[in-house]
Amino acid sequence: MWDVAYYLAVVILLAAAVIASAFAVRAYMTGAGPMDAVSKLFGPKPERRLDIVEQSNLDGRRRLILIRRDDVEHLIMTGGPVDMVIETGIGERREQNVDTIETPSAVFTRMPRAKGQAGGEQ
């Protein structure tokens, strides 16, 4: 029985030595004190910069994902032959004032045809 307790104590001491040496190496590599290396382990976590806002399945393979990174949203389509970014900078437009948003110009400048005209001009 004492042999099992002895080997268990040795294993526990070796594990503690490995953990202590890992913290010492981390403190040496970062240039901080050993207490800073330990306090970072239990300190507050940094604010998350990346978040999935919404996702939607298009079909069996493709998916649209709206991702927010640093308060800017990006629309990404995944699952097809190539993953692609559809739109970027979505969050930037929300912050603009409604008066400053430019209205897009008309795509078609031709006048619509009157009823009864089949093709070209008469």
PDB file of N, CA and C in Angstrom:
ATOM      1  N   MET A   1       0.808  -1.191   0.000  1.00  0.00           N
ATOM      2  CA  MET A   1       0.000   0.000   0.000  1.00  0.00           C
ATOM      3  C   MET A   1       0.856   1.261   0.000  1.00  0.00           C
ATOM      4  N   TRP A   2       1.994   1.201   0.733  1.00  0.00           N
ATOM      5  CA  TRP A   2       2.868   2.363   0.785  1.00  0.00           C
ATOM      6  C   TRP A   2       3.547   2.612  -0.545  1.00  0.00           C
ATOM      7  N   ASP A   3       3.752   1.545  -1.302  1.00  0.00           N
ATOM      8  CA  ASP A   3       4.376   1.720  -2.619  1.00  0.00           C
ATOM      9  C   ASP A   3       3.469   2.519  -3.553  1.00  0.00           C
ATOM     10  N   VAL A   4       2.180   2.242  -3.528  1.00  0.00           N
ATOM     11  CA  VAL A   4       1.221   2.963  -4.381  1.00  0.00           C
ATOM     12  C   VAL A   4       1.171   4.434  -3.967  1.00  0.00           C
ATOM     13  N   ALA A   5       1.145   4.718  -2.670  1.00  0.00           N
ATOM     14  CA  ALA A   5       1.104   6.094  -2.177  1.00  0.00           C
ATOM     15  C   ALA A   5       2.390   6.828  -2.557  1.00  0.00           C
ATOM     16  N   TYR A   6       3.530   6.126  -2.468  1.00  0.00           N
ATOM     17  CA  TYR A   6       4.813   6.731  -2.827  1.00  0.00           C
ATOM     18  C   TYR A   6       4.835   7.107  -4.304  1.00  0.00           C
ATOM     19  N   TYR A   7       4.429   6.198  -5.201  1.00  0.00           N
ATOM     20  CA  TYR A   7       4.448   6.477  -6.644  1.00  0.00           C
ATOM     21  C   TYR A   7       3.418   7.550  -7.019  1.00  0.00           C
ATOM     22  N   LEU A   8       2.291   7.577  -6.344  1.00  0.00           N
ATOM     23  CA  LEU A   8       1.295   8.605  -6.580  1.00  0.00           C
ATOM     24  C   LEU A   8       1.829   9.978  -6.184  1.00  0.00           C
ATOM     25  N   ALA A   9       2.546  10.059  -5.073  1.00  0.00           N
ATOM     26  CA  ALA A   9       3.141  11.323  -4.633  1.00  0.00           C
ATOM     27  C   ALA A   9       4.207  11.786  -5.615  1.00  0.00           C
ATOM     28  N   VAL A  10       4.995  10.846  -6.139  1.00  0.00           N
ATOM     29  CA  VAL A  10       6.026  11.201  -7.119  1.00  0.00           C
ATOM     30  C   VAL A  10       5.383  11.748  -8.394  1.00  0.00           C
ATOM     31  N   VAL A  11       4.315  11.116  -8.858  1.00  0.00           N
ATOM     32  CA  VAL A  11       3.630  11.582 -10.071  1.00  0.00           C
ATOM     33  C   VAL A  11       3.042  12.970  -9.848  1.00  0.00           C
ATOM     34  N   ILE A  12       2.459  13.218  -8.690  1.00  0.00           N
ATOM     35  CA  ILE A  12       1.886  14.531  -8.389  1.00  0.00           C
ATOM     36  C   ILE A  12       2.980  15.596  -8.329  1.00  0.00           C
ATOM     37  N   LEU A  13       4.109  15.284  -7.710  1.00  0.00           N
ATOM     38  CA  LEU A  13       5.226  16.237  -7.653  1.00  0.00           C
ATOM     39  C   LEU A  13       5.798  16.518  -9.036  1.00  0.00           C
ATOM     40  N   LEU A  14       5.912  15.495  -9.868  1.00  0.00           N
ATOM     41  CA  LEU A  14       6.407  15.716 -11.234  1.00  0.00           C
ATOM     42  C   LEU A  14       5.441  16.575 -12.047  1.00  0.00           C
ATOM     43  N   ALA A  15       4.145  16.350 -11.899  1.00  0.00           N
ATOM     44  CA  ALA A  15       3.162  17.164 -12.613  1.00  0.00           C
ATOM     45  C   ALA A  15       3.230  18.619 -12.159  1.00  0.00           C
ATOM     46  N   ALA A  16       3.381  18.842 -10.847  1.00  0.00           N
ATOM     47  CA  ALA A  16       3.500  20.206 -10.335  1.00  0.00           C
ATOM     48  C   ALA A  16       4.772  20.876 -10.844  1.00  0.00           C
ATOM     49  N   ALA A  17       5.867  20.121 -10.935  1.00  0.00           N
ATOM     50  CA  ALA A  17       7.123  20.683 -11.449  1.00  0.00           C
ATOM     51  C   ALA A  17       6.989  21.049 -12.929  1.00  0.00           C
ATOM     52  N   VAL A  18       6.300  20.231 -13.710  1.00  0.00           N
ATOM     53  CA  VAL A  18       6.110  20.533 -15.136  1.00  0.00           C
ATOM     54  C   VAL A  18       5.257  21.790 -15.303  1.00  0.00           C
ATOM     55  N   ILE A  19       4.190  21.917 -14.519  1.00  0.00           N
ATOM     56  CA  ILE A  19       3.324  23.097 -14.613  1.00  0.00           C
ATOM     57  C   ILE A  19       4.074  24.354 -14.173  1.00  0.00           C
ATOM     58  N   ALA A  20       4.837  24.261 -13.095  1.00  0.00           N
ATOM     59  CA  ALA A  20       5.610  25.414 -12.622  1.00  0.00           C
ATOM     60  C   ALA A  20       6.664  25.822 -13.637  1.00  0.00           C
ATOM     61  N   SER A  21       7.316  24.852 -14.257  1.00  0.00           N
ATOM     62  CA  SER A  21       8.330  25.192 -15.262  1.00  0.00           C
ATOM     63  C   SER A  21       7.672  25.796 -16.511  1.00  0.00           C
ATOM     64  N   ALA A  22       6.471  25.359 -16.852  1.00  0.00           N
ATOM     65  CA  ALA A  22       5.773  25.951 -17.998  1.00  0.00           C
ATOM     66  C   ALA A  22       5.455  27.417 -17.730  1.00  0.00           C
ATOM     67  N   PHE A  23       5.008  27.757 -16.522  1.00  0.00           N
ATOM     68  CA  PHE A  23       4.762  29.156 -16.173  1.00  0.00           C
ATOM     69  C   PHE A  23       6.059  29.962 -16.147  1.00  0.00           C
ATOM     70  N   ALA A  24       7.144  29.347 -15.688  1.00  0.00           N
ATOM     71  CA  ALA A  24       8.427  30.049 -15.666  1.00  0.00           C
ATOM     72  C   ALA A  24       8.924  30.334 -17.080  1.00  0.00           C
ATOM     73  N   VAL A  25       8.783  29.376 -17.972  1.00  0.00           N
ATOM     74  CA  VAL A  25       9.197  29.585 -19.360  1.00  0.00           C
ATOM     75  C   VAL A  25       8.322  30.650 -20.016  1.00  0.00           C
ATOM     76  N   ARG A  26       7.023  30.623 -19.734  1.00  0.00           N
ATOM     77  CA  ARG A  26       6.119  31.634 -20.294  1.00  0.00           C
ATOM     78  C   ARG A  26       6.489  33.027 -19.796  1.00  0.00           C
ATOM     79  N   ALA A  27       6.805  33.148 -18.521  1.00  0.00           N
ATOM     80  CA  ALA A  27       7.203  34.443 -17.968  1.00  0.00           C
ATOM     81  C   ALA A  27       8.526  34.897 -18.564  1.00  0.00           C
ATOM     82  N   TYR A  28       9.444  33.979 -18.784  1.00  0.00           N
ATOM     83  CA  TYR A  28      10.741  34.330 -19.368  1.00  0.00           C
ATOM     84  C   TYR A  28      10.590  34.773 -20.822  1.00  0.00           C
ATOM     85  N   MET A  29       9.756  34.083 -21.578  1.00  0.00           N
ATOM     86  CA  MET A  29       9.578  34.407 -23.000  1.00  0.00           C
ATOM     87  C   MET A  29       8.852  35.730 -23.196  1.00  0.00           C
ATOM     88  N   THR A  30       7.898  36.061 -22.331  1.00  0.00           N
ATOM     89  CA  THR A  30       7.161  37.314 -22.481  1.00  0.00           C
ATOM     90  C   THR A  30       7.860  38.485 -21.816  1.00  0.00           C
ATOM     91  N   GLY A  31       8.823  38.237 -20.975  1.00  0.00           N
ATOM     92  CA  GLY A  31       9.542  39.308 -20.296  1.00  0.00           C
ATOM     93  C   GLY A  31       8.817  39.834 -19.076  1.00  0.00           C
ATOM     94  N   ALA A  32       7.739  39.203 -18.689  1.00  0.00           N
ATOM     95  CA  ALA A  32       6.979  39.631 -17.511  1.00  0.00           C
ATOM     96  C   ALA A  32       7.417  38.816 -16.303  1.00  0.00           C
ATOM     97  N   GLY A  33       6.937  39.228 -15.155  1.00  0.00           N
ATOM     98  CA  GLY A  33       7.243  38.495 -13.935  1.00  0.00           C
ATOM     99  C   GLY A  33       6.434  37.207 -13.871  1.00  0.00           C
ATOM    100  N   PRO A  34       6.840  36.274 -13.011  1.00  0.00           N
ATOM    101  CA  PRO A  34       6.111  35.013 -12.913  1.00  0.00           C
ATOM    102  C   PRO A  34       4.678  35.184 -12.408  1.00  0.00           C
ATOM    103  N   MET A  35       4.439  36.184 -11.568  1.00  0.00           N
ATOM    104  CA  MET A  35       3.078  36.406 -11.093  1.00  0.00           C
ATOM    105  C   MET A  35       2.182  36.950 -12.198  1.00  0.00           C
ATOM    106  N   ASP A  36       2.753  37.699 -13.149  1.00  0.00           N
ATOM    107  CA  ASP A  36       1.957  38.182 -14.284  1.00  0.00           C
ATOM    108  C   ASP A  36       1.518  37.026 -15.168  1.00  0.00           C
ATOM    109  N   ALA A  37       2.373  36.027 -15.315  1.00  0.00           N
ATOM    110  CA  ALA A  37       2.010  34.865 -16.126  1.00  0.00           C
ATOM    111  C   ALA A  37       0.869  34.088 -15.486  1.00  0.00           C
ATOM    112  N   VAL A  38       0.865  33.996 -14.178  1.00  0.00           N
ATOM    113  CA  VAL A  38      -0.197  33.286 -13.478  1.00  0.00           C
ATOM    114  C   VAL A  38      -1.473  34.131 -13.457  1.00  0.00           C
ATOM    115  N   SER A  39      -1.333  35.447 -13.277  1.00  0.00           N
ATOM    116  CA  SER A  39      -2.528  36.294 -13.189  1.00  0.00           C
ATOM    117  C   SER A  39      -3.243  36.391 -14.532  1.00  0.00           C
ATOM    118  N   LYS A  40      -2.538  36.284 -15.646  1.00  0.00           N
ATOM    119  CA  LYS A  40      -3.192  36.290 -16.953  1.00  0.00           C
ATOM    120  C   LYS A  40      -4.060  35.059 -17.151  1.00  0.00           C
ATOM    121  N   LEU A  41      -3.716  33.984 -16.479  1.00  0.00           N
ATOM    122  CA  LEU A  41      -4.503  32.768 -16.577  1.00  0.00           C
ATOM    123  C   LEU A  41      -5.880  32.957 -15.945  1.00  0.00           C
ATOM    124  N   PHE A  42      -5.960  33.721 -14.855  1.00  0.00           N
ATOM    125  CA  PHE A  42      -7.209  33.917 -14.141  1.00  0.00           C
ATOM    126  C   PHE A  42      -7.808  35.302 -14.358  1.00  0.00           C
ATOM    127  N   GLY A  43      -7.211  36.128 -15.189  1.00  0.00           N
ATOM    128  CA  GLY A  43      -7.698  37.483 -15.423  1.00  0.00           C
ATOM    129  C   GLY A  43      -8.898  37.511 -16.361  1.00  0.00           C
ATOM    130  N   PRO A  44      -9.432  38.703 -16.606  1.00  0.00           N
ATOM    131  CA  PRO A  44     -10.584  38.811 -17.497  1.00  0.00           C
ATOM    132  C   PRO A  44     -10.186  38.494 -18.942  1.00  0.00           C
ATOM    133  N   LYS A  45     -11.118  37.930 -19.649  1.00  0.00           N
ATOM    134  CA  LYS A  45     -10.862  37.575 -21.035  1.00  0.00           C
ATOM    135  C   LYS A  45     -11.018  38.811 -21.910  1.00  0.00           C
ATOM    136  N   PRO A  46     -10.262  38.925 -22.988  1.00  0.00           N
ATOM    137  CA  PRO A  46     -10.395  40.091 -23.863  1.00  0.00           C
ATOM    138  C   PRO A  46     -11.744  40.077 -24.580  1.00  0.00           C
ATOM    139  N   GLU A  47     -12.183  41.256 -25.003  1.00  0.00           N
ATOM    140  CA  GLU A  47     -13.464  41.380 -25.690  1.00  0.00           C
ATOM    141  C   GLU A  47     -13.408  40.657 -27.030  1.00  0.00           C
ATOM    142  N   ARG A  48     -14.488  39.967 -27.354  1.00  0.00           N
ATOM    143  CA  ARG A  48     -14.537  39.219 -28.609  1.00  0.00           C
ATOM    144  C   ARG A  48     -14.681  40.174 -29.778  1.00  0.00           C
ATOM    145  N   ARG A  49     -13.915  39.942 -30.828  1.00  0.00           N
ATOM    146  CA  ARG A  49     -13.961  40.791 -32.010  1.00  0.00           C
ATOM    147  C   ARG A  49     -14.777  40.164 -33.128  1.00  0.00           C
ATOM    148  N   LEU A  50     -14.989  38.864 -33.084  1.00  0.00           N
ATOM    149  CA  LEU A  50     -15.652  38.158 -34.177  1.00  0.00           C
ATOM    150  C   LEU A  50     -16.898  37.474 -33.653  1.00  0.00           C
ATOM    151  N   ASP A  51     -18.005  37.613 -34.417  1.00  0.00           N
ATOM    152  CA  ASP A  51     -19.269  37.028 -33.991  1.00  0.00           C
ATOM    153  C   ASP A  51     -20.100  36.682 -35.217  1.00  0.00           C
ATOM    154  N   ILE A  52     -20.806  35.564 -35.163  1.00  0.00           N
ATOM    155  CA  ILE A  52     -21.733  35.196 -36.224  1.00  0.00           C
ATOM    156  C   ILE A  52     -23.085  35.788 -35.864  1.00  0.00           C
ATOM    157  N   VAL A  53     -23.567  36.718 -36.694  1.00  0.00           N
ATOM    158  CA  VAL A  53     -24.817  37.409 -36.412  1.00  0.00           C
ATOM    159  C   VAL A  53     -26.001  36.558 -36.831  1.00  0.00           C
ATOM    160  N   GLU A  54     -25.946  36.031 -38.055  1.00  0.00           N
ATOM    161  CA  GLU A  54     -27.067  35.275 -38.584  1.00  0.00           C
ATOM    162  C   GLU A  54     -26.543  34.322 -39.654  1.00  0.00           C
ATOM    163  N   GLN A  55     -27.252  33.207 -39.837  1.00  0.00           N
ATOM    164  CA  GLN A  55     -26.893  32.274 -40.898  1.00  0.00           C
ATOM    165  C   GLN A  55     -28.151  31.660 -41.467  1.00  0.00           C
ATOM    166  N   SER A  56     -28.086  31.335 -42.761  1.00  0.00           N
ATOM    167  CA  SER A  56     -29.262  30.805 -43.441  1.00  0.00           C
ATOM    168  C   SER A  56     -28.804  29.807 -44.492  1.00  0.00           C
ATOM    169  N   ASN A  57     -29.524  28.688 -44.596  1.00  0.00           N
ATOM    170  CA  ASN A  57     -29.217  27.684 -45.611  1.00  0.00           C
ATOM    171  C   ASN A  57     -29.882  28.073 -46.925  1.00  0.00           C
ATOM    172  N   LEU A  58     -29.109  28.065 -48.004  1.00  0.00           N
ATOM    173  CA  LEU A  58     -29.677  28.326 -49.324  1.00  0.00           C
ATOM    174  C   LEU A  58     -30.205  27.042 -49.940  1.00  0.00           C
ATOM    175  N   ASP A  59     -29.401  26.011 -49.906  1.00  0.00           N
ATOM    176  CA  ASP A  59     -29.812  24.687 -50.366  1.00  0.00           C
ATOM    177  C   ASP A  59     -29.034  23.665 -49.544  1.00  0.00           C
ATOM    178  N   GLY A  60     -28.931  22.456 -50.056  1.00  0.00           N
ATOM    179  CA  GLY A  60     -28.271  21.404 -49.295  1.00  0.00           C
ATOM    180  C   GLY A  60     -26.798  21.645 -49.046  1.00  0.00           C
ATOM    181  N   ARG A  61     -26.155  22.433 -49.903  1.00  0.00           N
ATOM    182  CA  ARG A  61     -24.703  22.629 -49.773  1.00  0.00           C
ATOM    183  C   ARG A  61     -24.320  24.041 -49.356  1.00  0.00           C
ATOM    184  N   ARG A  62     -25.015  25.038 -49.870  1.00  0.00           N
ATOM    185  CA  ARG A  62     -24.582  26.426 -49.675  1.00  0.00           C
ATOM    186  C   ARG A  62     -25.267  27.067 -48.472  1.00  0.00           C
ATOM    187  N   ARG A  63     -24.549  28.000 -47.859  1.00  0.00           N
ATOM    188  CA  ARG A  63     -25.039  28.687 -46.671  1.00  0.00           C
ATOM    189  C   ARG A  63     -24.587  30.146 -46.717  1.00  0.00           C
ATOM    190  N   LEU A  64     -25.495  31.062 -46.362  1.00  0.00           N
ATOM    191  CA  LEU A  64     -25.161  32.475 -46.204  1.00  0.00           C
ATOM    192  C   LEU A  64     -24.887  32.739 -44.733  1.00  0.00           C
ATOM    193  N   ILE A  65     -23.781  33.412 -44.454  1.00  0.00           N
ATOM    194  CA  ILE A  65     -23.398  33.708 -43.070  1.00  0.00           C
ATOM    195  C   ILE A  65     -23.115  35.199 -42.965  1.00  0.00           C
ATOM    196  N   LEU A  66     -23.753  35.849 -42.000  1.00  0.00           N
ATOM    197  CA  LEU A  66     -23.508  37.263 -41.718  1.00  0.00           C
ATOM    198  C   LEU A  66     -22.595  37.321 -40.502  1.00  0.00           C
ATOM    199  N   ILE A  67     -21.378  37.829 -40.703  1.00  0.00           N
ATOM    200  CA  ILE A  67     -20.345  37.856 -39.665  1.00  0.00           C
ATOM    201  C   ILE A  67     -20.083  39.301 -39.270  1.00  0.00           C
ATOM    202  N   ARG A  68     -19.949  39.565 -37.965  1.00  0.00           N
ATOM    203  CA  ARG A  68     -19.581  40.894 -37.486  1.00  0.00           C
ATOM    204  C   ARG A  68     -18.164  40.844 -36.941  1.00  0.00           C
ATOM    205  N   ARG A  69     -17.327  41.758 -37.446  1.00  0.00           N
ATOM    206  CA  ARG A  69     -15.949  41.887 -36.982  1.00  0.00           C
ATOM    207  C   ARG A  69     -15.682  43.363 -36.715  1.00  0.00           C
ATOM    208  N   ASP A  70     -15.377  43.712 -35.490  1.00  0.00           N
ATOM    209  CA  ASP A  70     -15.110  45.099 -35.087  1.00  0.00           C
ATOM    210  C   ASP A  70     -16.237  46.031 -35.523  1.00  0.00           C
ATOM    211  N   ASP A  71     -17.485  45.659 -35.259  1.00  0.00           N
ATOM    212  CA  ASP A  71     -18.681  46.442 -35.568  1.00  0.00           C
ATOM    213  C   ASP A  71     -18.891  46.673 -37.058  1.00  0.00           C
ATOM    214  N   VAL A  72     -18.299  45.871 -37.901  1.00  0.00           N
ATOM    215  CA  VAL A  72     -18.538  45.906 -39.347  1.00  0.00           C
ATOM    216  C   VAL A  72     -18.978  44.510 -39.756  1.00  0.00           C
ATOM    217  N   GLU A  73     -20.080  44.438 -40.518  1.00  0.00           N
ATOM    218  CA  GLU A  73     -20.623  43.142 -40.896  1.00  0.00           C
ATOM    219  C   GLU A  73     -20.195  42.766 -42.314  1.00  0.00           C
ATOM    220  N   HIS A  74     -20.029  41.461 -42.522  1.00  0.00           N
ATOM    221  CA  HIS A  74     -19.639  40.921 -43.817  1.00  0.00           C
ATOM    222  C   HIS A  74     -20.572  39.756 -44.145  1.00  0.00           C
ATOM    223  N   LEU A  75     -21.056  39.713 -45.377  1.00  0.00           N
ATOM    224  CA  LEU A  75     -21.926  38.637 -45.832  1.00  0.00           C
ATOM    225  C   LEU A  75     -21.096  37.665 -46.658  1.00  0.00           C
ATOM    226  N   ILE A  76     -21.080  36.396 -46.248  1.00  0.00           N
ATOM    227  CA  ILE A  76     -20.227  35.379 -46.865  1.00  0.00           C
ATOM    228  C   ILE A  76     -21.094  34.205 -47.286  1.00  0.00           C
ATOM    229  N   MET A  77     -20.822  33.650 -48.476  1.00  0.00           N
ATOM    230  CA  MET A  77     -21.497  32.436 -48.908  1.00  0.00           C
ATOM    231  C   MET A  77     -20.480  31.299 -48.905  1.00  0.00           C
ATOM    232  N   THR A  78     -20.807  30.223 -48.200  1.00  0.00           N
ATOM    233  CA  THR A  78     -19.914  29.079 -48.101  1.00  0.00           C
ATOM    234  C   THR A  78     -20.597  27.835 -48.643  1.00  0.00           C
ATOM    235  N   GLY A  79     -19.798  26.830 -48.960  1.00  0.00           N
ATOM    236  CA  GLY A  79     -20.332  25.532 -49.318  1.00  0.00           C
ATOM    237  C   GLY A  79     -20.363  25.241 -50.792  1.00  0.00           C
ATOM    238  N   GLY A  80     -20.251  26.220 -51.649  1.00  0.00           N
ATOM    239  CA  GLY A  80     -20.249  25.973 -53.084  1.00  0.00           C
ATOM    240  C   GLY A  80     -18.875  25.542 -53.538  1.00  0.00           C
ATOM    241  N   PRO A  81     -18.624  25.619 -54.840  1.00  0.00           N
ATOM    242  CA  PRO A  81     -17.284  25.262 -55.314  1.00  0.00           C
ATOM    243  C   PRO A  81     -16.215  26.204 -54.766  1.00  0.00           C
ATOM    244  N   VAL A  82     -16.610  27.461 -54.491  1.00  0.00           N
ATOM    245  CA  VAL A  82     -15.690  28.436 -53.933  1.00  0.00           C
ATOM    246  C   VAL A  82     -16.439  29.239 -52.880  1.00  0.00           C
ATOM    247  N   ASP A  83     -15.848  29.414 -51.695  1.00  0.00           N
ATOM    248  CA  ASP A  83     -16.434  30.296 -50.693  1.00  0.00           C
ATOM    249  C   ASP A  83     -16.184  31.731 -51.132  1.00  0.00           C
ATOM    250  N   MET A  84     -17.199  32.585 -51.015  1.00  0.00           N
ATOM    251  CA  MET A  84     -17.026  33.938 -51.521  1.00  0.00           C
ATOM    252  C   MET A  84     -17.637  34.969 -50.590  1.00  0.00           C
ATOM    253  N   VAL A  85     -17.031  36.166 -50.592  1.00  0.00           N
ATOM    254  CA  VAL A  85     -17.537  37.302 -49.842  1.00  0.00           C
ATOM    255  C   VAL A  85     -18.496  38.040 -50.765  1.00  0.00           C
ATOM    256  N   ILE A  86     -19.747  38.165 -50.343  1.00  0.00           N
ATOM    257  CA  ILE A  86     -20.750  38.815 -51.178  1.00  0.00           C
ATOM    258  C   ILE A  86     -20.759  40.316 -50.940  1.00  0.00           C
ATOM    259  N   GLU A  87     -20.724  40.737 -49.668  1.00  0.00           N
ATOM    260  CA  GLU A  87     -20.767  42.160 -49.359  1.00  0.00           C
ATOM    261  C   GLU A  87     -19.945  42.409 -48.103  1.00  0.00           C
ATOM    262  N   THR A  88     -19.219  43.528 -48.094  1.00  0.00           N
ATOM    263  CA  THR A  88     -18.421  43.891 -46.922  1.00  0.00           C
ATOM    264  C   THR A  88     -18.808  45.288 -46.465  1.00  0.00           C
ATOM    265  N   GLY A  89     -18.463  45.612 -45.254  1.00  0.00           N
ATOM    266  CA  GLY A  89     -18.694  46.958 -44.736  1.00  0.00           C
ATOM    267  C   GLY A  89     -20.158  47.272 -44.509  1.00  0.00           C
ATOM    268  N   ILE A  90     -20.970  46.296 -44.133  1.00  0.00           N
ATOM    269  CA  ILE A  90     -22.404  46.522 -43.981  1.00  0.00           C
ATOM    270  C   ILE A  90     -22.678  47.411 -42.777  1.00  0.00           C
ATOM    271  N   GLY A  91     -21.951  47.261 -41.706  1.00  0.00           N
ATOM    272  CA  GLY A  91     -22.192  48.042 -40.498  1.00  0.00           C
ATOM    273  C   GLY A  91     -21.840  49.501 -40.649  1.00  0.00           C
ATOM    274  N   GLU A  92     -20.985  49.862 -41.589  1.00  0.00           N
ATOM    275  CA  GLU A  92     -20.585  51.246 -41.782  1.00  0.00           C
ATOM    276  C   GLU A  92     -21.747  52.083 -42.284  1.00  0.00           C
ATOM    277  N   ARG A  93     -22.623  51.519 -43.108  1.00  0.00           N
ATOM    278  CA  ARG A  93     -23.741  52.277 -43.660  1.00  0.00           C
ATOM    279  C   ARG A  93     -24.787  52.580 -42.615  1.00  0.00           C
ATOM    280  N   ARG A  94     -24.926  51.747 -41.612  1.00  0.00           N
ATOM    281  CA  ARG A  94     -25.914  51.987 -40.563  1.00  0.00           C
ATOM    282  C   ARG A  94     -25.593  53.233 -39.765  1.00  0.00           C
ATOM    283  N   GLU A  95     -24.320  53.538 -39.629  1.00  0.00           N
ATOM    284  CA  GLU A  95     -23.906  54.671 -38.811  1.00  0.00           C
ATOM    285  C   GLU A  95     -24.081  55.999 -39.526  1.00  0.00           C
ATOM    286  N   GLN A  96     -24.248  55.997 -40.841  1.00  0.00           N
ATOM    287  CA  GLN A  96     -24.399  57.230 -41.580  1.00  0.00           C
ATOM    288  C   GLN A  96     -25.771  57.837 -41.312  1.00  0.00           C
ATOM    289  N   ASN A  97     -25.832  59.137 -41.448  1.00  0.00           N
ATOM    290  CA  ASN A  97     -27.099  59.834 -41.301  1.00  0.00           C
ATOM    291  C   ASN A  97     -27.954  59.570 -42.536  1.00  0.00           C
ATOM    292  N   VAL A  98     -29.271  59.555 -42.383  1.00  0.00           N
ATOM    293  CA  VAL A  98     -30.168  59.279 -43.502  1.00  0.00           C
ATOM    294  C   VAL A  98     -30.041  60.356 -44.561  1.00  0.00           C
ATOM    295  N   ASP A  99     -29.779  61.607 -44.174  1.00  0.00           N
ATOM    296  CA  ASP A  99     -29.670  62.702 -45.136  1.00  0.00           C
ATOM    297  C   ASP A  99     -28.418  62.585 -45.989  1.00  0.00           C
ATOM    298  N   THR A 100     -27.376  61.927 -45.487  1.00  0.00           N
ATOM    299  CA  THR A 100     -26.119  61.861 -46.219  1.00  0.00           C
ATOM    300  C   THR A 100     -26.041  60.678 -47.164  1.00  0.00           C
ATOM    301  N   ILE A 101     -27.002  59.754 -47.116  1.00  0.00           N
ATOM    302  CA  ILE A 101     -26.963  58.599 -47.998  1.00  0.00           C
ATOM    303  C   ILE A 101     -27.384  59.030 -49.394  1.00  0.00           C
ATOM    304  N   GLU A 102     -26.549  58.727 -50.365  1.00  0.00           N
ATOM    305  CA  GLU A 102     -26.844  59.110 -51.738  1.00  0.00           C
ATOM    306  C   GLU A 102     -27.803  58.102 -52.346  1.00  0.00           C
ATOM    307  N   THR A 103     -28.780  58.604 -53.068  1.00  0.00           N
ATOM    308  CA  THR A 103     -29.690  57.705 -53.759  1.00  0.00           C
ATOM    309  C   THR A 103     -29.039  57.275 -55.059  1.00  0.00           C
ATOM    310  N   PRO A 104     -29.100  55.999 -55.399  1.00  0.00           N
ATOM    311  CA  PRO A 104     -28.452  55.539 -56.619  1.00  0.00           C
ATOM    312  C   PRO A 104     -29.178  56.076 -57.847  1.00  0.00           C
ATOM    313  N   SER A 105     -28.415  56.324 -58.897  1.00  0.00           N
ATOM    314  CA  SER A 105     -29.022  56.806 -60.130  1.00  0.00           C
ATOM    315  C   SER A 105     -29.763  55.655 -60.806  1.00  0.00           C
ATOM    316  N   ALA A 106     -30.683  56.005 -61.681  1.00  0.00           N
ATOM    317  CA  ALA A 106     -31.488  54.996 -62.358  1.00  0.00           C
ATOM    318  C   ALA A 106     -30.613  54.146 -63.267  1.00  0.00           C
ATOM    319  N   VAL A 107     -30.901  52.868 -63.313  1.00  0.00           N
ATOM    320  CA  VAL A 107     -30.131  51.967 -64.146  1.00  0.00           C
ATOM    321  C   VAL A 107     -30.556  52.118 -65.603  1.00  0.00           C
ATOM    322  N   PHE A 108     -31.858  52.204 -65.853  1.00  0.00           N
ATOM    323  CA  PHE A 108     -32.377  52.342 -67.205  1.00  0.00           C
ATOM    324  C   PHE A 108     -32.812  53.786 -67.413  1.00  0.00           C
ATOM    325  N   THR A 109     -32.329  54.400 -68.493  1.00  0.00           N
ATOM    326  CA  THR A 109     -32.688  55.783 -68.767  1.00  0.00           C
ATOM    327  C   THR A 109     -33.706  55.894 -69.895  1.00  0.00           C
ATOM    328  N   ARG A 110     -34.039  54.812 -70.561  1.00  0.00           N
ATOM    329  CA  ARG A 110     -35.003  54.831 -71.656  1.00  0.00           C
ATOM    330  C   ARG A 110     -36.400  54.998 -71.089  1.00  0.00           C
ATOM    331  N   MET A 111     -37.216  55.745 -71.779  1.00  0.00           N
ATOM    332  CA  MET A 111     -38.600  55.947 -71.357  1.00  0.00           C
ATOM    333  C   MET A 111     -39.380  54.656 -71.556  1.00  0.00           C
ATOM    334  N   PRO A 112     -40.319  54.340 -70.679  1.00  0.00           N
ATOM    335  CA  PRO A 112     -41.107  53.116 -70.861  1.00  0.00           C
ATOM    336  C   PRO A 112     -42.018  53.246 -72.067  1.00  0.00           C
ATOM    337  N   ARG A 113     -42.289  52.092 -72.733  1.00  0.00           N
ATOM    338  CA  ARG A 113     -43.149  52.079 -73.903  1.00  0.00           C
ATOM    339  C   ARG A 113     -44.616  52.213 -73.499  1.00  0.00           C
ATOM    340  N   ALA A 114     -45.355  52.844 -74.357  1.00  0.00           N
ATOM    341  CA  ALA A 114     -46.802  52.961 -74.120  1.00  0.00           C
ATOM    342  C   ALA A 114     -47.450  51.662 -74.501  1.00  0.00           C
ATOM    343  N   LYS A 115     -48.658  51.426 -74.012  1.00  0.00           N
ATOM    344  CA  LYS A 115     -49.382  50.200 -74.342  1.00  0.00           C
ATOM    345  C   LYS A 115     -49.675  50.158 -75.818  1.00  0.00           C
ATOM    346  N   GLY A 116     -49.534  49.017 -76.396  1.00  0.00           N
ATOM    347  CA  GLY A 116     -49.840  48.838 -77.805  1.00  0.00           C
ATOM    348  C   GLY A 116     -48.624  48.912 -78.707  1.00  0.00           C
ATOM    349  N   GLN A 117     -47.505  49.436 -78.255  1.00  0.00           N
ATOM    350  CA  GLN A 117     -46.295  49.481 -79.076  1.00  0.00           C
ATOM    351  C   GLN A 117     -45.563  48.172 -78.900  1.00  0.00           C
ATOM    352  N   ALA A 118     -45.311  47.506 -80.014  1.00  0.00           N
ATOM    353  CA  ALA A 118     -44.724  46.173 -79.942  1.00  0.00           C
ATOM    354  C   ALA A 118     -43.197  46.235 -79.883  1.00  0.00           C
ATOM    355  N   GLY A 119     -42.583  46.955 -80.772  1.00  0.00           N
ATOM    356  CA  GLY A 119     -41.136  46.911 -80.831  1.00  0.00           C
ATOM    357  C   GLY A 119     -40.555  48.300 -80.812  1.00  0.00           C
ATOM    358  N   GLY A 120     -39.958  48.700 -81.904  1.00  0.00           N
ATOM    359  CA  GLY A 120     -39.300  49.975 -82.000  1.00  0.00           C
ATOM    360  C   GLY A 120     -40.280  51.126 -82.064  1.00  0.00           C
ATOM    361  N   GLU A 121     -39.759  52.313 -82.417  1.00  0.00           N
ATOM    362  CA  GLU A 121     -40.592  53.510 -82.455  1.00  0.00           C
ATOM    363  C   GLU A 121     -41.433  53.520 -83.705  1.00  0.00           C
ATOM    364  N   GLN A 122     -42.616  54.169 -83.664  1.00  0.00           N
ATOM    365  CA  GLN A 122     -43.513  54.258 -84.814  1.00  0.00           C
ATOM    366  C   GLN A 122     -43.698  55.679 -85.218  1.00  0.00           C
TER     367      GLN A 122
END
